[in-house]
Amino acid sequence: MRLSERDVVRASRTPDGPVTVRFGSSEDGVDVEAWGRGAGWMLERAPAWCGALDAVDGFDPPQGVVRDLWRRRRGFRITQTGLITERLIPIVLEQKVTGGEARRAYRRLTLAIGEPAPGPFALLMPPDPARVADMAYFEFHPFGVEQRRANVLRTMCSRAAWLDRADTMPLDLAKTRISSLHGIGPWSVAEVARIALGDADAVSVGDYHVPNIVAWALAREPRGTDERMLELLEPFRPHRGRVQALLELSGIRAPAFGPRMEVRAIDRI
């Protein structure tokens, strides 16, 4: 992916083949261009990728921090991209590690097995699920990925077609299918549902930072639990995930106490 002030360019694997898509800001809204065999698939689904299908009319938060954030970010939308396996690969890499570790692992994996994407932007394709499924768990070690996450990725990618068909199912059934895979818990389901399935109510239970952010922003409590987070977000149902995302985008952070989460160098072991 490449980001600039007015453009977003991304490479993806569609059911019809690889695609590179450019979303450009214009006076009339969003201009979309696509290259590759998956161009038709992407152009047909571009509104969902831009969040144009997101139902925000019923979102009217009461006076307070959430209302202020929504007033400043009225253009924020929940997307519905599909391509569930493609979305889940970086999400699984984020399990139980810092964001920096996860991004580094995804970059290394993509550089190792990603082929050139179509179009004029010199991007690499995201990791091919078929290739990920065929890798041995120890081949992930140089990317900083231990055996547990490697095995989750391999199992998940071996069932990519079955998993991606959840995009056509009702939301609750889709999330049940995703969560039925070993190693895909509530946090991973919520993270992919907000991006790929358009679920504005998906809350990332089990996150290292989000309960503290929510507790501090909504109740001025420096530390929160999953239970307290859900209690504070309950009045915003069915937009709890939207509120979580707005709070994360705001830069609000709970006071820091004690040591940070340890960064592990698995590839050096």
C-alpha atoms as a PDB file:
ATOM      1  CA  MET A   1       0.000   0.000   0.000  1.00  0.00           C
ATOM      2  CA  ARG A   2       1.068   3.593  -0.645  1.00  0.00           C
ATOM      3  CA  LEU A   3      -0.483   6.607   1.041  1.00  0.00           C
ATOM      4  CA  SER A   4      -0.304  10.268   0.132  1.00  0.00           C
ATOM      5  CA  GLU A   5      -2.329  13.335   1.000  1.00  0.00           C
ATOM      6  CA  ARG A   6      -4.831  12.732  -1.810  1.00  0.00           C
ATOM      7  CA  ASP A   7      -4.366   9.090  -2.861  1.00  0.00           C
ATOM      8  CA  VAL A   8      -4.385   5.542  -1.525  1.00  0.00           C
ATOM      9  CA  VAL A   9      -2.887   2.822  -3.733  1.00  0.00           C
ATOM     10  CA  ARG A  10      -3.202  -0.830  -2.741  1.00  0.00           C
ATOM     11  CA  ALA A  11      -2.466  -4.244  -4.215  1.00  0.00           C
ATOM     12  CA  SER A  12      -4.821  -7.153  -3.459  1.00  0.00           C
ATOM     13  CA  ARG A  13      -5.756 -10.655  -4.545  1.00  0.00           C
ATOM     14  CA  THR A  14      -9.339 -10.848  -5.775  1.00  0.00           C
ATOM     15  CA  PRO A  15     -11.243 -14.005  -6.809  1.00  0.00           C
ATOM     16  CA  ASP A  16     -10.626 -12.914 -10.428  1.00  0.00           C
ATOM     17  CA  GLY A  17      -6.891 -12.342 -10.010  1.00  0.00           C
ATOM     18  CA  PRO A  18      -4.412  -9.707  -8.823  1.00  0.00           C
ATOM     19  CA  VAL A  19      -5.311  -6.034  -8.811  1.00  0.00           C
ATOM     20  CA  THR A  20      -3.791  -2.682  -7.985  1.00  0.00           C
ATOM     21  CA  VAL A  21      -6.347  -0.007  -7.144  1.00  0.00           C
ATOM     22  CA  ARG A  22      -5.959   3.725  -6.658  1.00  0.00           C
ATOM     23  CA  PHE A  23      -8.490   5.697  -4.637  1.00  0.00           C
ATOM     24  CA  GLY A  24      -8.066   9.418  -5.299  1.00  0.00           C
ATOM     25  CA  SER A  25      -9.737  12.342  -3.569  1.00  0.00           C
ATOM     26  CA  SER A  26     -11.625  14.708  -5.874  1.00  0.00           C
ATOM     27  CA  GLU A  27     -14.162  17.513  -5.619  1.00  0.00           C
ATOM     28  CA  ASP A  28     -16.953  15.062  -6.491  1.00  0.00           C
ATOM     29  CA  GLY A  29     -15.923  12.368  -4.026  1.00  0.00           C
ATOM     30  CA  VAL A  30     -13.527   9.503  -4.765  1.00  0.00           C
ATOM     31  CA  ASP A  31     -12.045   8.605  -8.152  1.00  0.00           C
ATOM     32  CA  VAL A  32     -11.111   4.928  -8.571  1.00  0.00           C
ATOM     33  CA  GLU A  33      -8.716   3.320 -11.055  1.00  0.00           C
ATOM     34  CA  ALA A  34      -7.682  -0.329 -11.184  1.00  0.00           C
ATOM     35  CA  TRP A  35      -5.145  -2.491 -13.039  1.00  0.00           C
ATOM     36  CA  GLY A  36      -4.885  -6.249 -13.458  1.00  0.00           C
ATOM     37  CA  ARG A  37      -7.232  -9.213 -13.910  1.00  0.00           C
ATOM     38  CA  GLY A  38      -9.121  -8.267 -10.758  1.00  0.00           C
ATOM     39  CA  ALA A  39      -9.892  -4.720 -11.948  1.00  0.00           C
ATOM     40  CA  GLY A  40     -13.550  -5.421 -12.740  1.00  0.00           C
ATOM     41  CA  TRP A  41     -14.119  -7.121  -9.386  1.00  0.00           C
ATOM     42  CA  MET A  42     -12.511  -4.199  -7.579  1.00  0.00           C
ATOM     43  CA  LEU A  43     -14.363  -1.447  -9.444  1.00  0.00           C
ATOM     44  CA  GLU A  44     -17.679  -3.160  -8.741  1.00  0.00           C
ATOM     45  CA  ARG A  45     -16.894  -3.226  -5.017  1.00  0.00           C
ATOM     46  CA  ALA A  46     -15.160   0.152  -4.760  1.00  0.00           C
ATOM     47  CA  PRO A  47     -18.071   1.811  -2.862  1.00  0.00           C
ATOM     48  CA  ALA A  48     -17.858  -0.831  -0.135  1.00  0.00           C
ATOM     49  CA  TRP A  49     -14.070  -0.423   0.046  1.00  0.00           C
ATOM     50  CA  CYS A  50     -14.507   3.334   0.503  1.00  0.00           C
ATOM     51  CA  GLY A  51     -17.102   2.880   3.234  1.00  0.00           C
ATOM     52  CA  ALA A  52     -19.972   4.221   1.116  1.00  0.00           C
ATOM     53  CA  LEU A  53     -22.208   1.366   2.340  1.00  0.00           C
ATOM     54  CA  ASP A  54     -21.604   2.257   5.987  1.00  0.00           C
ATOM     55  CA  ALA A  55     -24.856   3.240   7.714  1.00  0.00           C
ATOM     56  CA  VAL A  56     -24.009   6.282   9.851  1.00  0.00           C
ATOM     57  CA  ASP A  57     -27.404   8.004   9.903  1.00  0.00           C
ATOM     58  CA  GLY A  58     -28.325   6.404  13.220  1.00  0.00           C
ATOM     59  CA  PHE A  59     -25.059   7.321  14.920  1.00  0.00           C
ATOM     60  CA  ASP A  60     -25.820  10.282  17.198  1.00  0.00           C
ATOM     61  CA  PRO A  61     -23.570  10.091  20.270  1.00  0.00           C
ATOM     62  CA  PRO A  62     -24.505  12.162  23.339  1.00  0.00           C
ATOM     63  CA  GLN A  63     -22.584  15.214  24.471  1.00  0.00           C
ATOM     64  CA  GLY A  64     -19.039  14.299  25.370  1.00  0.00           C
ATOM     65  CA  VAL A  65     -15.754  13.116  23.922  1.00  0.00           C
ATOM     66  CA  VAL A  66     -17.262  10.743  21.346  1.00  0.00           C
ATOM     67  CA  ARG A  67     -19.583  13.418  19.952  1.00  0.00           C
ATOM     68  CA  ASP A  68     -16.645  15.827  19.693  1.00  0.00           C
ATOM     69  CA  LEU A  69     -14.521  13.236  17.888  1.00  0.00           C
ATOM     70  CA  TRP A  70     -17.355  12.406  15.489  1.00  0.00           C
ATOM     71  CA  ARG A  71     -17.865  16.086  14.705  1.00  0.00           C
ATOM     72  CA  ARG A  72     -14.185  16.376  13.749  1.00  0.00           C
ATOM     73  CA  ARG A  73     -14.106  13.093  11.766  1.00  0.00           C
ATOM     74  CA  ARG A  74     -17.452  12.996   9.988  1.00  0.00           C
ATOM     75  CA  GLY A  75     -15.809  11.364   6.986  1.00  0.00           C
ATOM     76  CA  PHE A  76     -14.681   8.294   8.926  1.00  0.00           C
ATOM     77  CA  ARG A  77     -16.324   5.109   7.622  1.00  0.00           C
ATOM     78  CA  ILE A  78     -16.351   1.378   8.352  1.00  0.00           C
ATOM     79  CA  THR A  79     -15.326  -0.543   5.240  1.00  0.00           C
ATOM     80  CA  GLN A  80     -16.573  -3.805   3.764  1.00  0.00           C
ATOM     81  CA  THR A  81     -13.702  -5.145   1.680  1.00  0.00           C
ATOM     82  CA  GLY A  82     -14.255  -8.895   1.758  1.00  0.00           C
ATOM     83  CA  LEU A  83     -11.028 -10.834   1.058  1.00  0.00           C
ATOM     84  CA  ILE A  84     -11.131 -12.233   4.577  1.00  0.00           C
ATOM     85  CA  THR A  85      -7.965 -14.358   4.421  1.00  0.00           C
ATOM     86  CA  GLU A  86      -5.935 -11.461   3.039  1.00  0.00           C
ATOM     87  CA  ARG A  87      -7.090  -9.319   5.944  1.00  0.00           C
ATOM     88  CA  LEU A  88      -6.491 -12.033   8.530  1.00  0.00           C
ATOM     89  CA  ILE A  89      -2.828 -12.672   7.679  1.00  0.00           C
ATOM     90  CA  PRO A  90      -1.544  -9.372   9.179  1.00  0.00           C
ATOM     91  CA  ILE A  91      -4.090  -9.657  11.997  1.00  0.00           C
ATOM     92  CA  VAL A  92      -2.756 -13.073  13.048  1.00  0.00           C
ATOM     93  CA  LEU A  93       0.762 -11.642  12.932  1.00  0.00           C
ATOM     94  CA  GLU A  94      -0.393  -9.016  15.463  1.00  0.00           C
ATOM     95  CA  GLN A  95      -1.501 -11.590  18.027  1.00  0.00           C
ATOM     96  CA  LYS A  96       0.327 -11.234  21.363  1.00  0.00           C
ATOM     97  CA  VAL A  97       3.106  -8.991  20.017  1.00  0.00           C
ATOM     98  CA  THR A  98       3.733  -5.269  19.616  1.00  0.00           C
ATOM     99  CA  GLY A  99       2.554  -3.420  16.529  1.00  0.00           C
ATOM    100  CA  GLY A 100       6.139  -2.862  15.427  1.00  0.00           C
ATOM    101  CA  GLU A 101       6.908  -6.584  15.576  1.00  0.00           C
ATOM    102  CA  ALA A 102       3.785  -7.409  13.568  1.00  0.00           C
ATOM    103  CA  ARG A 103       4.472  -4.834  10.850  1.00  0.00           C
ATOM    104  CA  ARG A 104       8.075  -5.975  10.557  1.00  0.00           C
ATOM    105  CA  ALA A 105       6.993  -9.623  10.234  1.00  0.00           C
ATOM    106  CA  TYR A 106       4.405  -8.816   7.562  1.00  0.00           C
ATOM    107  CA  ARG A 107       6.902  -6.758   5.601  1.00  0.00           C
ATOM    108  CA  ARG A 108       9.512  -9.529   5.713  1.00  0.00           C
ATOM    109  CA  LEU A 109       6.976 -12.149   4.663  1.00  0.00           C
ATOM    110  CA  THR A 110       5.745  -9.992   1.772  1.00  0.00           C
ATOM    111  CA  LEU A 111       9.268  -9.231   0.560  1.00  0.00           C
ATOM    112  CA  ALA A 112      10.108 -12.927   0.677  1.00  0.00           C
ATOM    113  CA  ILE A 113       7.157 -14.348  -1.266  1.00  0.00           C
ATOM    114  CA  GLY A 114       5.192 -11.426  -2.758  1.00  0.00           C
ATOM    115  CA  GLU A 115       5.341 -11.111  -6.554  1.00  0.00           C
ATOM    116  CA  PRO A 116       5.067  -7.771  -8.407  1.00  0.00           C
ATOM    117  CA  ALA A 117       1.577  -6.272  -8.539  1.00  0.00           C
ATOM    118  CA  PRO A 118      -0.017  -5.035 -11.789  1.00  0.00           C
ATOM    119  CA  GLY A 119      -0.024  -1.350 -12.628  1.00  0.00           C
ATOM    120  CA  PRO A 120       2.544   1.465 -12.636  1.00  0.00           C
ATOM    121  CA  PHE A 121       3.255   1.727  -8.889  1.00  0.00           C
ATOM    122  CA  ALA A 122       5.889  -1.008  -8.322  1.00  0.00           C
ATOM    123  CA  LEU A 123       3.972  -2.559  -5.427  1.00  0.00           C
ATOM    124  CA  LEU A 124       4.245  -6.144  -4.239  1.00  0.00           C
ATOM    125  CA  MET A 125       1.235  -8.437  -3.964  1.00  0.00           C
ATOM    126  CA  PRO A 126       0.165  -9.486  -0.459  1.00  0.00           C
ATOM    127  CA  PRO A 127       1.306 -12.994   0.543  1.00  0.00           C
ATOM    128  CA  ASP A 128      -0.390 -15.712  -1.497  1.00  0.00           C
ATOM    129  CA  PRO A 129      -2.418 -17.911   0.916  1.00  0.00           C
ATOM    130  CA  ALA A 130      -1.536 -21.028  -1.120  1.00  0.00           C
ATOM    131  CA  ARG A 131       2.186 -20.353  -0.683  1.00  0.00           C
ATOM    132  CA  VAL A 132       1.770 -19.554   3.029  1.00  0.00           C
ATOM    133  CA  ALA A 133      -0.107 -22.828   3.549  1.00  0.00           C
ATOM    134  CA  ASP A 134       2.731 -24.804   1.925  1.00  0.00           C
ATOM    135  CA  MET A 135       5.474 -23.268   4.084  1.00  0.00           C
ATOM    136  CA  ALA A 136       6.922 -25.204   7.025  1.00  0.00           C
ATOM    137  CA  TYR A 137       6.527 -23.530  10.396  1.00  0.00           C
ATOM    138  CA  PHE A 138      10.292 -23.006  10.751  1.00  0.00           C
ATOM    139  CA  GLU A 139      10.367 -20.985   7.515  1.00  0.00           C
ATOM    140  CA  PHE A 140       8.539 -18.201   9.379  1.00  0.00           C
ATOM    141  CA  HIS A 141      11.297 -17.936  11.978  1.00  0.00           C
ATOM    142  CA  PRO A 142      13.441 -15.439   9.981  1.00  0.00           C
ATOM    143  CA  PHE A 143      10.382 -13.174   9.785  1.00  0.00           C
ATOM    144  CA  GLY A 144      10.157 -13.046  13.602  1.00  0.00           C
ATOM    145  CA  VAL A 145       7.186 -15.422  13.815  1.00  0.00           C
ATOM    146  CA  GLU A 146       7.167 -18.273  16.319  1.00  0.00           C
ATOM    147  CA  GLN A 147       5.645 -21.719  15.762  1.00  0.00           C
ATOM    148  CA  ARG A 148       2.213 -20.941  17.256  1.00  0.00           C
ATOM    149  CA  ARG A 149       1.390 -18.011  14.933  1.00  0.00           C
ATOM    150  CA  ALA A 150       3.040 -19.786  12.007  1.00  0.00           C
ATOM    151  CA  ASN A 151       0.787 -22.801  12.463  1.00  0.00           C
ATOM    152  CA  VAL A 152      -2.314 -20.612  12.756  1.00  0.00           C
ATOM    153  CA  LEU A 153      -1.364 -18.921   9.476  1.00  0.00           C
ATOM    154  CA  ARG A 154      -0.682 -22.231   7.709  1.00  0.00           C
ATOM    155  CA  THR A 155      -3.973 -23.781   8.835  1.00  0.00           C
ATOM    156  CA  MET A 156      -5.972 -20.656   8.029  1.00  0.00           C
ATOM    157  CA  CYS A 157      -4.440 -20.266   4.572  1.00  0.00           C
ATOM    158  CA  SER A 158      -5.033 -23.930   3.742  1.00  0.00           C
ATOM    159  CA  ARG A 159      -8.764 -23.160   4.068  1.00  0.00           C
ATOM    160  CA  ALA A 160      -8.684 -19.773   2.370  1.00  0.00           C
ATOM    161  CA  ALA A 161     -11.452 -20.472  -0.175  1.00  0.00           C
ATOM    162  CA  TRP A 162     -13.801 -21.776   2.532  1.00  0.00           C
ATOM    163  CA  LEU A 163     -12.938 -18.841   4.755  1.00  0.00           C
ATOM    164  CA  ASP A 164     -13.392 -16.202   2.058  1.00  0.00           C
ATOM    165  CA  ARG A 165     -16.888 -17.510   1.256  1.00  0.00           C
ATOM    166  CA  ALA A 166     -17.979 -16.204   4.650  1.00  0.00           C
ATOM    167  CA  ASP A 167     -18.151 -12.801   2.951  1.00  0.00           C
ATOM    168  CA  THR A 168     -21.464 -13.903   1.364  1.00  0.00           C
ATOM    169  CA  MET A 169     -23.009 -15.057   4.656  1.00  0.00           C
ATOM    170  CA  PRO A 170     -25.054 -13.104   7.228  1.00  0.00           C
ATOM    171  CA  LEU A 171     -22.735 -11.273   9.619  1.00  0.00           C
ATOM    172  CA  ASP A 172     -23.272 -13.513  12.664  1.00  0.00           C
ATOM    173  CA  LEU A 173     -22.747 -16.691  10.634  1.00  0.00           C
ATOM    174  CA  ALA A 174     -19.661 -15.203   8.974  1.00  0.00           C
ATOM    175  CA  LYS A 175     -18.087 -14.400  12.325  1.00  0.00           C
ATOM    176  CA  THR A 176     -18.956 -17.874  13.629  1.00  0.00           C
ATOM    177  CA  ARG A 177     -17.206 -19.448  10.643  1.00  0.00           C
ATOM    178  CA  ILE A 178     -14.093 -17.309  11.139  1.00  0.00           C
ATOM    179  CA  SER A 179     -13.940 -18.025  14.876  1.00  0.00           C
ATOM    180  CA  SER A 180     -14.249 -21.782  14.281  1.00  0.00           C
ATOM    181  CA  LEU A 181     -10.616 -21.857  13.102  1.00  0.00           C
ATOM    182  CA  HIS A 182      -8.123 -22.822  15.792  1.00  0.00           C
ATOM    183  CA  GLY A 183      -6.149 -19.772  16.927  1.00  0.00           C
ATOM    184  CA  ILE A 184      -8.719 -17.195  15.732  1.00  0.00           C
ATOM    185  CA  GLY A 185     -10.279 -15.731  18.864  1.00  0.00           C
ATOM    186  CA  PRO A 186     -12.629 -12.799  19.611  1.00  0.00           C
ATOM    187  CA  TRP A 187      -9.929 -10.156  19.086  1.00  0.00           C
ATOM    188  CA  SER A 188      -8.991 -11.426  15.621  1.00  0.00           C
ATOM    189  CA  VAL A 189     -12.648 -11.820  14.613  1.00  0.00           C
ATOM    190  CA  ALA A 190     -13.455  -8.252  15.640  1.00  0.00           C
ATOM    191  CA  GLU A 191     -10.416  -6.836  13.849  1.00  0.00           C
ATOM    192  CA  VAL A 192     -11.306  -8.517  10.553  1.00  0.00           C
ATOM    193  CA  ALA A 193     -15.062  -7.924  10.893  1.00  0.00           C
ATOM    194  CA  ARG A 194     -14.597  -4.140  11.140  1.00  0.00           C
ATOM    195  CA  ILE A 195     -12.493  -4.074   7.960  1.00  0.00           C
ATOM    196  CA  ALA A 196     -13.789  -6.893   5.768  1.00  0.00           C
ATOM    197  CA  LEU A 197     -17.408  -7.355   6.863  1.00  0.00           C
ATOM    198  CA  GLY A 198     -18.545  -3.808   7.629  1.00  0.00           C
ATOM    199  CA  ASP A 199     -19.298  -4.586  11.294  1.00  0.00           C
ATOM    200  CA  ALA A 200     -19.531  -1.211  13.048  1.00  0.00           C
ATOM    201  CA  ASP A 201     -20.280  -2.936  16.367  1.00  0.00           C
ATOM    202  CA  ALA A 202     -17.175  -5.174  16.504  1.00  0.00           C
ATOM    203  CA  VAL A 203     -15.172  -4.561  19.704  1.00  0.00           C
ATOM    204  CA  SER A 204     -11.589  -5.828  20.024  1.00  0.00           C
ATOM    205  CA  VAL A 205     -11.914  -7.816  23.252  1.00  0.00           C
ATOM    206  CA  GLY A 206      -8.514  -9.019  24.410  1.00  0.00           C
ATOM    207  CA  ASP A 207      -6.486  -6.072  23.117  1.00  0.00           C
ATOM    208  CA  TYR A 208      -3.457  -4.926  25.121  1.00  0.00           C
ATOM    209  CA  HIS A 209      -4.222  -1.181  24.932  1.00  0.00           C
ATOM    210  CA  VAL A 210      -7.854  -0.621  23.876  1.00  0.00           C
ATOM    211  CA  PRO A 211      -9.532  -1.262  27.282  1.00  0.00           C
ATOM    212  CA  ASN A 212      -7.276   1.368  28.864  1.00  0.00           C
ATOM    213  CA  ILE A 213      -7.939   3.872  26.055  1.00  0.00           C
ATOM    214  CA  VAL A 214     -11.710   3.402  26.364  1.00  0.00           C
ATOM    215  CA  ALA A 215     -11.692   3.565  30.182  1.00  0.00           C
ATOM    216  CA  TRP A 216      -9.559   6.725  30.195  1.00  0.00           C
ATOM    217  CA  ALA A 217     -11.468   8.508  27.427  1.00  0.00           C
ATOM    218  CA  LEU A 218     -14.980   7.711  28.658  1.00  0.00           C
ATOM    219  CA  ALA A 219     -14.561   7.493  32.451  1.00  0.00           C
ATOM    220  CA  ARG A 220     -11.145   9.018  33.244  1.00  0.00           C
ATOM    221  CA  GLU A 221     -10.088   5.686  34.692  1.00  0.00           C
ATOM    222  CA  PRO A 222      -6.384   5.045  33.976  1.00  0.00           C
ATOM    223  CA  ARG A 223      -6.811   1.284  33.635  1.00  0.00           C
ATOM    224  CA  GLY A 224      -9.615  -0.785  32.185  1.00  0.00           C
ATOM    225  CA  THR A 225     -10.584  -4.401  31.689  1.00  0.00           C
ATOM    226  CA  ASP A 226     -12.493  -5.995  28.839  1.00  0.00           C
ATOM    227  CA  GLU A 227     -15.560  -6.126  31.067  1.00  0.00           C
ATOM    228  CA  ARG A 228     -15.315  -2.427  31.943  1.00  0.00           C
ATOM    229  CA  MET A 229     -14.691  -1.512  28.314  1.00  0.00           C
ATOM    230  CA  LEU A 230     -17.831  -3.345  27.189  1.00  0.00           C
ATOM    231  CA  GLU A 231     -19.827  -1.688  29.972  1.00  0.00           C
ATOM    232  CA  LEU A 232     -18.707   1.790  28.882  1.00  0.00           C
ATOM    233  CA  LEU A 233     -19.337   1.062  25.198  1.00  0.00           C
ATOM    234  CA  GLU A 234     -22.767  -0.532  25.690  1.00  0.00           C
ATOM    235  CA  PRO A 235     -24.725   2.775  25.288  1.00  0.00           C
ATOM    236  CA  PHE A 236     -23.225   3.122  21.788  1.00  0.00           C
ATOM    237  CA  ARG A 237     -24.513  -0.229  20.466  1.00  0.00           C
ATOM    238  CA  PRO A 238     -24.705  -0.977  17.449  1.00  0.00           C
ATOM    239  CA  HIS A 239     -21.756   1.380  16.869  1.00  0.00           C
ATOM    240  CA  ARG A 240     -19.363   0.176  19.583  1.00  0.00           C
ATOM    241  CA  GLY A 241     -16.641  -0.692  17.073  1.00  0.00           C
ATOM    242  CA  ARG A 242     -17.014   2.707  15.459  1.00  0.00           C
ATOM    243  CA  VAL A 243     -16.513   4.373  18.841  1.00  0.00           C
ATOM    244  CA  GLN A 244     -13.463   2.193  19.542  1.00  0.00           C
ATOM    245  CA  ALA A 245     -11.956   3.186  16.189  1.00  0.00           C
ATOM    246  CA  LEU A 246     -12.672   6.884  16.742  1.00  0.00           C
ATOM    247  CA  LEU A 247     -10.984   6.753  20.150  1.00  0.00           C
ATOM    248  CA  GLU A 248      -7.938   4.990  18.696  1.00  0.00           C
ATOM    249  CA  LEU A 249      -7.696   7.517  15.848  1.00  0.00           C
ATOM    250  CA  SER A 250      -7.963  10.423  18.304  1.00  0.00           C
ATOM    251  CA  GLY A 251      -4.542   9.800  19.843  1.00  0.00           C
ATOM    252  CA  ILE A 252      -6.055   9.656  23.348  1.00  0.00           C
ATOM    253  CA  ARG A 253      -3.872   7.452  25.518  1.00  0.00           C
ATOM    254  CA  ALA A 254      -4.200   6.344  29.122  1.00  0.00           C
ATOM    255  CA  PRO A 255      -1.442   7.403  31.560  1.00  0.00           C
ATOM    256  CA  ALA A 256       1.582   5.112  31.289  1.00  0.00           C
ATOM    257  CA  PHE A 257       2.548   3.095  34.355  1.00  0.00           C
ATOM    258  CA  GLY A 258       5.293   0.498  34.594  1.00  0.00           C
ATOM    259  CA  PRO A 259       7.299  -1.117  31.789  1.00  0.00           C
ATOM    260  CA  ARG A 260       6.161  -1.262  28.202  1.00  0.00           C
ATOM    261  CA  MET A 261       5.251  -4.531  26.517  1.00  0.00           C
ATOM    262  CA  GLU A 262       8.487  -6.378  25.799  1.00  0.00           C
ATOM    263  CA  VAL A 263       9.670  -6.541  22.192  1.00  0.00           C
ATOM    264  CA  ARG A 264      10.879 -10.033  21.326  1.00  0.00           C
ATOM    265  CA  ALA A 265      13.511 -10.822  18.697  1.00  0.00           C
ATOM    266  CA  ILE A 266      12.306 -14.279  17.698  1.00  0.00           C
ATOM    267  CA  ASP A 267      14.403 -14.308  14.547  1.00  0.00           C
ATOM    268  CA  ARG A 268      17.568 -14.005  16.644  1.00  0.00           C
ATOM    269  CA  ILE A 269      16.850 -17.005  18.839  1.00  0.00           C
END
